[in-house]
Amino acid sequence: MPSRALFLVNPRARRGSEGAEEIAARLRDLGLDLVVEATEDPGRFPELIQRHRGTIDRVLVGGGDGTLNAAVQVLAPLGLPLGVIPLGTGNNLARTLAIPFDPPAACQVVAEGRRRRIDLGYVNDRYFCTTASLGLSVQITEELSPDAKRRWGPVAYAVAAARVIRRAHRFHADIAWEGGTRQMRPVQIVVGNGRFYGAALAVAGDATIDDARLDLYSLETNHWLELLKLAPSLKSGTHGRRPEVETLRATAFTIRTRTRMAVDLDGEVGTETPAQFRVVPKALDVFVPAPEA
């Protein structure tokens, strides 16, 4: 009996309007019995998944990290596996799991059926796949328009960063975890469950998405030029060696700020401070390619 899958597509994702019918046809050719639902509002994904609950054995999502985040909110509690068809800008969950960005190849991964059980992050009342952040990264997210992401792809992150970096300002943050507390004055805090975020930046060089821990870094710079100098180390994941970067590792964090601040979840603003973070080990099955020999 063929697998029956719900295929959710976000037409507003960078490549979401391109080839959705071809992707669906490819999935059917690979043996999947497919139900297709397209919506420009990923906030409807939980409703659509619940509507088809009991008649499907997997959910495939065509979109970017923000689109995936909307689906994960209900997939994790229901225990349904996730198939990723990367159609977004950053595609950092796909990058973390070595899922090909080429849609036909990503379809093949889903059809082959190899799964990997990954951790999820959880902050306040929402899951996140790769990262949650506050400060500069939220300003960059708010600067990014859907049109810019579609037109420029990952370059749009650099363009948005160039626009906001000069007005980046430090804020007061109190961070608590099982091992202690810190008072900080960062321009950005990133809490990572996986390795990559934004324009393929690394939370930590050795972070993985199934290590049952969260990696936090706090970026404390006094001038925007210092941020530019940090760019290569942020890309390589070696920023933890820099004196202006504080790194922490734990299974849970609490972050409080003097005024309420927005928190970005997988590239979309999703909650605000005060924020209680924790890792949820082995929370979600994702279809992944076989490891290279």
C-alpha atoms as a PDB file:
ATOM      1  CA  MET A   1       0.000   0.000   0.000  1.00  0.00           C
ATOM      2  CA  PRO A   2       1.540   3.382  -0.971  1.00  0.00           C
ATOM      3  CA  SER A   3       2.228   5.961   1.682  1.00  0.00           C
ATOM      4  CA  ARG A   4      -0.337   8.752   1.903  1.00  0.00           C
ATOM      5  CA  ALA A   5       1.230  12.144   2.426  1.00  0.00           C
ATOM      6  CA  LEU A   6      -0.064  15.654   2.967  1.00  0.00           C
ATOM      7  CA  PHE A   7       1.965  18.088   0.845  1.00  0.00           C
ATOM      8  CA  LEU A   8       1.785  21.640   2.195  1.00  0.00           C
ATOM      9  CA  VAL A   9       3.098  24.399  -0.071  1.00  0.00           C
ATOM     10  CA  ASN A  10       3.672  28.048   0.759  1.00  0.00           C
ATOM     11  CA  PRO A  11       3.427  30.001  -2.536  1.00  0.00           C
ATOM     12  CA  ARG A  12       5.002  33.008  -0.800  1.00  0.00           C
ATOM     13  CA  ALA A  13       8.234  31.150  -0.104  1.00  0.00           C
ATOM     14  CA  ARG A  14      11.111  32.225  -2.338  1.00  0.00           C
ATOM     15  CA  ARG A  15      10.550  29.361  -4.803  1.00  0.00           C
ATOM     16  CA  GLY A  16       7.103  28.363  -3.565  1.00  0.00           C
ATOM     17  CA  SER A  17       5.265  29.423  -6.705  1.00  0.00           C
ATOM     18  CA  GLU A  18       7.735  27.681  -9.003  1.00  0.00           C
ATOM     19  CA  GLY A  19       7.074  24.099  -9.970  1.00  0.00           C
ATOM     20  CA  ALA A  20       4.729  23.035  -7.164  1.00  0.00           C
ATOM     21  CA  GLU A  21       2.712  20.954  -9.634  1.00  0.00           C
ATOM     22  CA  GLU A  22       5.911  19.352 -10.976  1.00  0.00           C
ATOM     23  CA  ILE A  23       7.029  18.529  -7.433  1.00  0.00           C
ATOM     24  CA  ALA A  24       3.665  16.938  -6.680  1.00  0.00           C
ATOM     25  CA  ALA A  25       3.861  14.919  -9.902  1.00  0.00           C
ATOM     26  CA  ARG A  26       7.386  13.783  -9.016  1.00  0.00           C
ATOM     27  CA  LEU A  27       6.260  12.641  -5.580  1.00  0.00           C
ATOM     28  CA  ARG A  28       3.387  10.669  -7.101  1.00  0.00           C
ATOM     29  CA  ASP A  29       5.760   9.093  -9.625  1.00  0.00           C
ATOM     30  CA  LEU A  30       7.858   7.943  -6.672  1.00  0.00           C
ATOM     31  CA  GLY A  31       4.893   6.060  -5.251  1.00  0.00           C
ATOM     32  CA  LEU A  32       3.310   8.491  -2.788  1.00  0.00           C
ATOM     33  CA  ASP A  33      -0.445   8.915  -2.574  1.00  0.00           C
ATOM     34  CA  LEU A  34      -0.563  12.691  -2.228  1.00  0.00           C
ATOM     35  CA  VAL A  35      -2.995  15.257  -0.854  1.00  0.00           C
ATOM     36  CA  VAL A  36      -1.926  18.811  -1.782  1.00  0.00           C
ATOM     37  CA  GLU A  37      -2.842  21.931   0.189  1.00  0.00           C
ATOM     38  CA  ALA A  38      -1.456  25.353  -0.820  1.00  0.00           C
ATOM     39  CA  THR A  39      -1.823  28.429   1.372  1.00  0.00           C
ATOM     40  CA  GLU A  40      -0.019  31.751   1.635  1.00  0.00           C
ATOM     41  CA  ASP A  41      -0.638  31.695   5.390  1.00  0.00           C
ATOM     42  CA  PRO A  42       1.530  29.037   7.081  1.00  0.00           C
ATOM     43  CA  GLY A  43      -0.417  29.812  10.241  1.00  0.00           C
ATOM     44  CA  ARG A  44      -3.136  27.589   8.748  1.00  0.00           C
ATOM     45  CA  PHE A  45      -0.832  24.558   8.630  1.00  0.00           C
ATOM     46  CA  PRO A  46      -1.889  23.198  12.046  1.00  0.00           C
ATOM     47  CA  GLU A  47      -5.542  23.375  10.977  1.00  0.00           C
ATOM     48  CA  LEU A  48      -4.814  21.623   7.662  1.00  0.00           C
ATOM     49  CA  ILE A  49      -2.742  18.900   9.322  1.00  0.00           C
ATOM     50  CA  GLN A  50      -5.445  18.269  11.888  1.00  0.00           C
ATOM     51  CA  ARG A  51      -8.045  18.099   9.086  1.00  0.00           C
ATOM     52  CA  HIS A  52      -6.188  15.205   7.441  1.00  0.00           C
ATOM     53  CA  ARG A  53      -5.089  13.533  10.664  1.00  0.00           C
ATOM     54  CA  GLY A  54      -5.729   9.801  10.617  1.00  0.00           C
ATOM     55  CA  THR A  55      -5.619   9.571   6.818  1.00  0.00           C
ATOM     56  CA  ILE A  56      -1.928  10.414   6.309  1.00  0.00           C
ATOM     57  CA  ASP A  57       1.335   8.937   7.555  1.00  0.00           C
ATOM     58  CA  ARG A  58       3.638  11.874   6.790  1.00  0.00           C
ATOM     59  CA  VAL A  59       3.608  15.601   6.071  1.00  0.00           C
ATOM     60  CA  LEU A  60       5.769  17.164   3.361  1.00  0.00           C
ATOM     61  CA  VAL A  61       6.402  20.884   3.448  1.00  0.00           C
ATOM     62  CA  GLY A  62       7.503  22.997   0.481  1.00  0.00           C
ATOM     63  CA  GLY A  63       8.885  26.265   1.788  1.00  0.00           C
ATOM     64  CA  GLY A  64      11.589  27.818   3.910  1.00  0.00           C
ATOM     65  CA  ASP A  65      12.484  27.613   7.589  1.00  0.00           C
ATOM     66  CA  GLY A  66       9.629  29.875   8.710  1.00  0.00           C
ATOM     67  CA  THR A  67       7.148  27.718   6.805  1.00  0.00           C
ATOM     68  CA  LEU A  68       8.579  24.559   8.390  1.00  0.00           C
ATOM     69  CA  ASN A  69       8.299  26.167  11.816  1.00  0.00           C
ATOM     70  CA  ALA A  70       4.547  26.579  11.388  1.00  0.00           C
ATOM     71  CA  ALA A  71       4.118  22.880  10.544  1.00  0.00           C
ATOM     72  CA  VAL A  72       6.350  21.637  13.358  1.00  0.00           C
ATOM     73  CA  GLN A  73       4.063  23.183  15.992  1.00  0.00           C
ATOM     74  CA  VAL A  74       1.575  20.359  15.385  1.00  0.00           C
ATOM     75  CA  LEU A  75       3.772  17.639  13.852  1.00  0.00           C
ATOM     76  CA  ALA A  76       5.796  17.173  17.033  1.00  0.00           C
ATOM     77  CA  PRO A  77       2.770  16.584  19.306  1.00  0.00           C
ATOM     78  CA  LEU A  78       1.126  14.286  16.737  1.00  0.00           C
ATOM     79  CA  GLY A  79       4.278  12.267  16.052  1.00  0.00           C
ATOM     80  CA  LEU A  80       4.005  12.618  12.269  1.00  0.00           C
ATOM     81  CA  PRO A  81       7.287  12.589  10.303  1.00  0.00           C
ATOM     82  CA  LEU A  82       8.337  15.614   8.253  1.00  0.00           C
ATOM     83  CA  GLY A  83       9.546  15.672   4.672  1.00  0.00           C
ATOM     84  CA  VAL A  84      11.420  18.842   3.692  1.00  0.00           C
ATOM     85  CA  ILE A  85      11.238  20.241   0.146  1.00  0.00           C
ATOM     86  CA  PRO A  86      13.491  23.333   0.422  1.00  0.00           C
ATOM     87  CA  LEU A  87      11.872  26.262  -1.391  1.00  0.00           C
ATOM     88  CA  GLY A  88      12.856  29.123   0.910  1.00  0.00           C
ATOM     89  CA  THR A  89      15.746  31.553   1.271  1.00  0.00           C
ATOM     90  CA  GLY A  90      17.886  30.236   4.115  1.00  0.00           C
ATOM     91  CA  ASN A  91      16.772  26.586   4.177  1.00  0.00           C
ATOM     92  CA  ASN A  92      18.843  26.053   7.299  1.00  0.00           C
ATOM     93  CA  LEU A  93      17.068  22.919   8.515  1.00  0.00           C
ATOM     94  CA  ALA A  94      17.716  21.340   5.116  1.00  0.00           C
ATOM     95  CA  ARG A  95      21.323  22.518   5.261  1.00  0.00           C
ATOM     96  CA  THR A  96      21.754  21.059   8.752  1.00  0.00           C
ATOM     97  CA  LEU A  97      20.395  17.666   7.653  1.00  0.00           C
ATOM     98  CA  ALA A  98      22.167  17.608   4.252  1.00  0.00           C
ATOM     99  CA  ILE A  99      18.816  17.554   2.436  1.00  0.00           C
ATOM    100  CA  PRO A 100      19.404  18.600  -1.196  1.00  0.00           C
ATOM    101  CA  PHE A 101      18.140  22.027  -2.242  1.00  0.00           C
ATOM    102  CA  ASP A 102      17.185  20.587  -5.641  1.00  0.00           C
ATOM    103  CA  PRO A 103      13.439  19.745  -5.339  1.00  0.00           C
ATOM    104  CA  PRO A 104      13.510  16.479  -7.363  1.00  0.00           C
ATOM    105  CA  ALA A 105      16.430  15.231  -5.257  1.00  0.00           C
ATOM    106  CA  ALA A 106      14.608  16.257  -2.061  1.00  0.00           C
ATOM    107  CA  CYS A 107      11.553  14.300  -3.294  1.00  0.00           C
ATOM    108  CA  GLN A 108      13.763  11.244  -3.720  1.00  0.00           C
ATOM    109  CA  VAL A 109      14.910  11.574  -0.096  1.00  0.00           C
ATOM    110  CA  VAL A 110      11.305  11.539   1.101  1.00  0.00           C
ATOM    111  CA  ALA A 111      10.432   8.541  -1.079  1.00  0.00           C
ATOM    112  CA  GLU A 112      13.406   6.507   0.152  1.00  0.00           C
ATOM    113  CA  GLY A 113      12.004   6.824   3.650  1.00  0.00           C
ATOM    114  CA  ARG A 114      15.181   7.057   5.734  1.00  0.00           C
ATOM    115  CA  ARG A 115      14.450   8.978   8.935  1.00  0.00           C
ATOM    116  CA  ARG A 116      16.481  10.798  11.527  1.00  0.00           C
ATOM    117  CA  ARG A 117      15.036  11.742  14.888  1.00  0.00           C
ATOM    118  CA  ILE A 118      16.043  15.283  15.762  1.00  0.00           C
ATOM    119  CA  ASP A 119      15.752  17.563  18.771  1.00  0.00           C
ATOM    120  CA  LEU A 120      13.600  20.671  18.783  1.00  0.00           C
ATOM    121  CA  GLY A 121      13.992  23.846  20.756  1.00  0.00           C
ATOM    122  CA  TYR A 122      11.029  25.165  22.732  1.00  0.00           C
ATOM    123  CA  VAL A 123      10.585  28.751  23.881  1.00  0.00           C
ATOM    124  CA  ASN A 124       7.562  29.950  25.839  1.00  0.00           C
ATOM    125  CA  ASP A 125       4.831  28.040  23.967  1.00  0.00           C
ATOM    126  CA  ARG A 126       6.442  27.454  20.556  1.00  0.00           C
ATOM    127  CA  TYR A 127       8.876  24.993  19.012  1.00  0.00           C
ATOM    128  CA  PHE A 128      11.806  25.990  16.828  1.00  0.00           C
ATOM    129  CA  CYS A 129      13.932  23.799  14.579  1.00  0.00           C
ATOM    130  CA  THR A 130      17.277  25.552  14.271  1.00  0.00           C
ATOM    131  CA  THR A 131      17.540  28.861  16.141  1.00  0.00           C
ATOM    132  CA  ALA A 132      15.801  31.515  18.188  1.00  0.00           C
ATOM    133  CA  SER A 133      17.328  34.964  18.523  1.00  0.00           C
ATOM    134  CA  LEU A 134      16.778  38.509  19.690  1.00  0.00           C
ATOM    135  CA  GLY A 135      18.356  41.861  18.985  1.00  0.00           C
ATOM    136  CA  LEU A 136      20.101  42.535  15.685  1.00  0.00           C
ATOM    137  CA  SER A 137      18.832  39.375  13.980  1.00  0.00           C
ATOM    138  CA  VAL A 138      15.211  40.386  14.662  1.00  0.00           C
ATOM    139  CA  GLN A 139      15.864  43.793  13.096  1.00  0.00           C
ATOM    140  CA  ILE A 140      17.284  42.031  10.031  1.00  0.00           C
ATOM    141  CA  THR A 141      14.230  39.760   9.843  1.00  0.00           C
ATOM    142  CA  GLU A 142      11.913  42.757  10.031  1.00  0.00           C
ATOM    143  CA  GLU A 143      13.903  44.505   7.294  1.00  0.00           C
ATOM    144  CA  LEU A 144      13.621  41.529   4.926  1.00  0.00           C
ATOM    145  CA  SER A 145      10.652  41.720   2.592  1.00  0.00           C
ATOM    146  CA  PRO A 146       9.191  38.672   0.797  1.00  0.00           C
ATOM    147  CA  ASP A 147       9.954  40.390  -2.503  1.00  0.00           C
ATOM    148  CA  ALA A 148      13.616  40.907  -1.564  1.00  0.00           C
ATOM    149  CA  LYS A 149      13.972  37.260  -0.519  1.00  0.00           C
ATOM    150  CA  ARG A 150      12.428  36.051  -3.767  1.00  0.00           C
ATOM    151  CA  ARG A 151      14.550  38.373  -5.881  1.00  0.00           C
ATOM    152  CA  TRP A 152      17.916  38.143  -4.135  1.00  0.00           C
ATOM    153  CA  GLY A 153      17.815  34.870  -2.232  1.00  0.00           C
ATOM    154  CA  PRO A 154      20.466  34.531   0.524  1.00  0.00           C
ATOM    155  CA  VAL A 155      22.053  37.814  -0.603  1.00  0.00           C
ATOM    156  CA  ALA A 156      18.960  39.536   0.798  1.00  0.00           C
ATOM    157  CA  TYR A 157      20.256  38.814   4.321  1.00  0.00           C
ATOM    158  CA  ALA A 158      23.462  40.737   3.604  1.00  0.00           C
ATOM    159  CA  VAL A 159      21.517  43.639   2.098  1.00  0.00           C
ATOM    160  CA  ALA A 160      19.175  43.809   5.100  1.00  0.00           C
ATOM    161  CA  ALA A 161      22.094  43.546   7.535  1.00  0.00           C
ATOM    162  CA  ALA A 162      23.869  46.433   5.790  1.00  0.00           C
ATOM    163  CA  ARG A 163      20.773  48.572   6.302  1.00  0.00           C
ATOM    164  CA  VAL A 164      20.347  47.895  10.019  1.00  0.00           C
ATOM    165  CA  ILE A 165      23.869  47.262  11.283  1.00  0.00           C
ATOM    166  CA  ARG A 166      24.694  50.957  11.718  1.00  0.00           C
ATOM    167  CA  ARG A 167      21.762  51.441  14.072  1.00  0.00           C
ATOM    168  CA  ALA A 168      22.367  48.299  16.108  1.00  0.00           C
ATOM    169  CA  HIS A 169      22.331  49.054  19.828  1.00  0.00           C
ATOM    170  CA  ARG A 170      23.131  47.060  22.935  1.00  0.00           C
ATOM    171  CA  PHE A 171      20.417  46.021  25.359  1.00  0.00           C
ATOM    172  CA  HIS A 172      20.321  44.702  28.923  1.00  0.00           C
ATOM    173  CA  ALA A 173      19.783  40.972  29.292  1.00  0.00           C
ATOM    174  CA  ASP A 174      19.805  38.623  32.271  1.00  0.00           C
ATOM    175  CA  ILE A 175      20.507  35.008  31.340  1.00  0.00           C
ATOM    176  CA  ALA A 176      20.005  32.123  33.754  1.00  0.00           C
ATOM    177  CA  TRP A 177      20.705  28.408  33.300  1.00  0.00           C
ATOM    178  CA  GLU A 178      21.377  25.440  35.532  1.00  0.00           C
ATOM    179  CA  GLY A 179      25.037  26.336  35.819  1.00  0.00           C
ATOM    180  CA  GLY A 180      24.697  29.999  36.756  1.00  0.00           C
ATOM    181  CA  THR A 181      23.593  33.480  35.707  1.00  0.00           C
ATOM    182  CA  ARG A 182      24.994  36.297  33.567  1.00  0.00           C
ATOM    183  CA  GLN A 183      24.162  39.965  33.136  1.00  0.00           C
ATOM    184  CA  MET A 184      24.980  41.045  29.597  1.00  0.00           C
ATOM    185  CA  ARG A 185      24.859  44.056  27.261  1.00  0.00           C
ATOM    186  CA  PRO A 186      24.700  42.409  23.825  1.00  0.00           C
ATOM    187  CA  VAL A 187      23.523  43.577  20.405  1.00  0.00           C
ATOM    188  CA  GLN A 188      22.371  40.025  19.689  1.00  0.00           C
ATOM    189  CA  ILE A 189      21.664  36.748  21.458  1.00  0.00           C
ATOM    190  CA  VAL A 190      21.245  33.534  19.485  1.00  0.00           C
ATOM    191  CA  VAL A 191      20.021  30.259  20.976  1.00  0.00           C
ATOM    192  CA  GLY A 192      20.665  27.335  18.657  1.00  0.00           C
ATOM    193  CA  ASN A 193      19.230  23.847  18.509  1.00  0.00           C
ATOM    194  CA  GLY A 194      20.897  23.066  15.173  1.00  0.00           C
ATOM    195  CA  ARG A 195      24.005  24.505  13.622  1.00  0.00           C
ATOM    196  CA  PHE A 196      22.930  27.049  10.989  1.00  0.00           C
ATOM    197  CA  TYR A 197      20.784  30.179  10.949  1.00  0.00           C
ATOM    198  CA  GLY A 198      20.300  33.252   8.772  1.00  0.00           C
ATOM    199  CA  ALA A 199      22.578  33.261   5.748  1.00  0.00           C
ATOM    200  CA  ALA A 200      24.180  29.924   6.685  1.00  0.00           C
ATOM    201  CA  LEU A 201      25.871  31.365   9.786  1.00  0.00           C
ATOM    202  CA  ALA A 202      26.942  28.889  12.460  1.00  0.00           C
ATOM    203  CA  VAL A 203      25.721  29.013  16.055  1.00  0.00           C
ATOM    204  CA  ALA A 204      28.683  26.884  17.122  1.00  0.00           C
ATOM    205  CA  GLY A 205      31.221  24.958  15.120  1.00  0.00           C
ATOM    206  CA  ASP A 206      30.385  21.627  16.766  1.00  0.00           C
ATOM    207  CA  ALA A 207      26.619  22.055  17.208  1.00  0.00           C
ATOM    208  CA  THR A 208      24.358  19.264  15.974  1.00  0.00           C
ATOM    209  CA  ILE A 209      20.589  18.913  15.895  1.00  0.00           C
ATOM    210  CA  ASP A 210      20.442  15.742  17.962  1.00  0.00           C
ATOM    211  CA  ASP A 211      22.912  16.407  20.792  1.00  0.00           C
ATOM    212  CA  ALA A 212      20.182  17.157  23.398  1.00  0.00           C
ATOM    213  CA  ARG A 213      21.549  20.620  24.177  1.00  0.00           C
ATOM    214  CA  LEU A 214      21.181  24.267  23.262  1.00  0.00           C
ATOM    215  CA  ASP A 215      24.082  26.507  22.258  1.00  0.00           C
ATOM    216  CA  LEU A 216      23.827  30.196  23.125  1.00  0.00           C
ATOM    217  CA  TYR A 217      26.049  33.041  22.107  1.00  0.00           C
ATOM    218  CA  SER A 218      25.875  36.685  23.113  1.00  0.00           C
ATOM    219  CA  LEU A 219      27.475  39.249  20.819  1.00  0.00           C
ATOM    220  CA  GLU A 220      28.773  42.286  22.713  1.00  0.00           C
ATOM    221  CA  THR A 221      30.270  44.906  20.416  1.00  0.00           C
ATOM    222  CA  ASN A 222      30.587  48.657  20.792  1.00  0.00           C
ATOM    223  CA  HIS A 223      30.689  49.661  17.121  1.00  0.00           C
ATOM    224  CA  TRP A 224      29.206  48.371  13.878  1.00  0.00           C
ATOM    225  CA  LEU A 225      32.706  48.025  12.410  1.00  0.00           C
ATOM    226  CA  GLU A 226      33.412  45.346  15.015  1.00  0.00           C
ATOM    227  CA  LEU A 227      30.414  43.428  13.690  1.00  0.00           C
ATOM    228  CA  LEU A 228      31.893  43.477  10.203  1.00  0.00           C
ATOM    229  CA  LYS A 229      35.176  42.096  11.512  1.00  0.00           C
ATOM    230  CA  LEU A 230      33.277  39.251  13.174  1.00  0.00           C
ATOM    231  CA  ALA A 231      31.568  38.149   9.956  1.00  0.00           C
ATOM    232  CA  PRO A 232      34.150  35.501   8.892  1.00  0.00           C
ATOM    233  CA  SER A 233      34.156  33.842  12.321  1.00  0.00           C
ATOM    234  CA  LEU A 234      30.335  33.830  12.428  1.00  0.00           C
ATOM    235  CA  LYS A 235      30.366  31.993   9.122  1.00  0.00           C
ATOM    236  CA  SER A 236      32.893  29.398  10.262  1.00  0.00           C
ATOM    237  CA  GLY A 237      31.520  28.953  13.778  1.00  0.00           C
ATOM    238  CA  THR A 238      34.753  30.096  15.446  1.00  0.00           C
ATOM    239  CA  HIS A 239      33.284  33.302  16.925  1.00  0.00           C
ATOM    240  CA  GLY A 240      33.331  31.740  20.398  1.00  0.00           C
ATOM    241  CA  ARG A 241      37.081  32.393  20.505  1.00  0.00           C
ATOM    242  CA  ARG A 242      36.564  36.148  20.221  1.00  0.00           C
ATOM    243  CA  PRO A 243      36.629  38.254  23.410  1.00  0.00           C
ATOM    244  CA  GLU A 244      33.465  40.129  22.451  1.00  0.00           C
ATOM    245  CA  VAL A 245      31.470  36.893  22.202  1.00  0.00           C
ATOM    246  CA  GLU A 246      30.153  34.978  25.217  1.00  0.00           C
ATOM    247  CA  THR A 247      29.167  31.349  24.612  1.00  0.00           C
ATOM    248  CA  LEU A 248      27.103  29.046  26.835  1.00  0.00           C
ATOM    249  CA  ARG A 249      25.829  25.487  26.508  1.00  0.00           C
ATOM    250  CA  ALA A 250      22.930  23.998  28.487  1.00  0.00           C
ATOM    251  CA  THR A 251      19.617  22.184  28.161  1.00  0.00           C
ATOM    252  CA  ALA A 252      17.578  25.248  29.218  1.00  0.00           C
ATOM    253  CA  PHE A 253      17.955  29.027  29.469  1.00  0.00           C
ATOM    254  CA  THR A 254      15.838  31.890  30.754  1.00  0.00           C
ATOM    255  CA  ILE A 255      16.386  35.308  29.166  1.00  0.00           C
ATOM    256  CA  ARG A 256      14.910  38.475  30.647  1.00  0.00           C
ATOM    257  CA  THR A 257      15.309  41.983  29.226  1.00  0.00           C
ATOM    258  CA  ARG A 258      14.485  45.366  30.763  1.00  0.00           C
ATOM    259  CA  THR A 259      11.826  45.990  28.125  1.00  0.00           C
ATOM    260  CA  ARG A 260       9.935  43.369  26.134  1.00  0.00           C
ATOM    261  CA  MET A 261      11.817  42.300  23.029  1.00  0.00           C
ATOM    262  CA  ALA A 262      10.699  40.236  20.051  1.00  0.00           C
ATOM    263  CA  VAL A 263      12.204  36.774  19.592  1.00  0.00           C
ATOM    264  CA  ASP A 264      12.810  35.388  16.111  1.00  0.00           C
ATOM    265  CA  LEU A 265      12.081  31.670  15.613  1.00  0.00           C
ATOM    266  CA  ASP A 266      13.551  30.050  12.496  1.00  0.00           C
ATOM    267  CA  GLY A 267      13.474  33.343  10.623  1.00  0.00           C
ATOM    268  CA  GLU A 268      10.058  34.607  11.726  1.00  0.00           C
ATOM    269  CA  VAL A 269       9.165  36.678  14.795  1.00  0.00           C
ATOM    270  CA  GLY A 270       7.252  34.278  17.039  1.00  0.00           C
ATOM    271  CA  THR A 271       7.327  35.335  20.706  1.00  0.00           C
ATOM    272  CA  GLU A 272       8.917  37.880  23.069  1.00  0.00           C
ATOM    273  CA  THR A 273      10.856  38.186  26.301  1.00  0.00           C
ATOM    274  CA  PRO A 274      10.820  37.087  29.040  1.00  0.00           C
ATOM    275  CA  ALA A 275      11.689  33.848  27.273  1.00  0.00           C
ATOM    276  CA  GLN A 276      12.162  30.377  28.718  1.00  0.00           C
ATOM    277  CA  PHE A 277      14.093  28.050  26.408  1.00  0.00           C
ATOM    278  CA  ARG A 278      14.563  24.305  26.642  1.00  0.00           C
ATOM    279  CA  VAL A 279      15.623  21.490  24.367  1.00  0.00           C
ATOM    280  CA  VAL A 280      13.149  18.713  23.576  1.00  0.00           C
ATOM    281  CA  PRO A 281      15.307  15.673  22.717  1.00  0.00           C
ATOM    282  CA  LYS A 282      14.279  13.345  19.868  1.00  0.00           C
ATOM    283  CA  ALA A 283      11.096  15.321  19.287  1.00  0.00           C
ATOM    284  CA  LEU A 284      10.610  14.937  15.510  1.00  0.00           C
ATOM    285  CA  ASP A 285      11.275  12.425  12.733  1.00  0.00           C
ATOM    286  CA  VAL A 286      12.593  13.985   9.507  1.00  0.00           C
ATOM    287  CA  PHE A 287      13.291  12.211   6.210  1.00  0.00           C
ATOM    288  CA  VAL A 288      17.013  12.533   5.446  1.00  0.00           C
ATOM    289  CA  PRO A 289      19.417  11.238   2.795  1.00  0.00           C
ATOM    290  CA  ALA A 290      21.549   8.198   3.455  1.00  0.00           C
ATOM    291  CA  PRO A 291      24.981   9.121   4.867  1.00  0.00           C
ATOM    292  CA  GLU A 292      27.776   9.309   2.350  1.00  0.00           C
ATOM    293  CA  ALA A 293      30.130   6.366   2.333  1.00  0.00           C
END
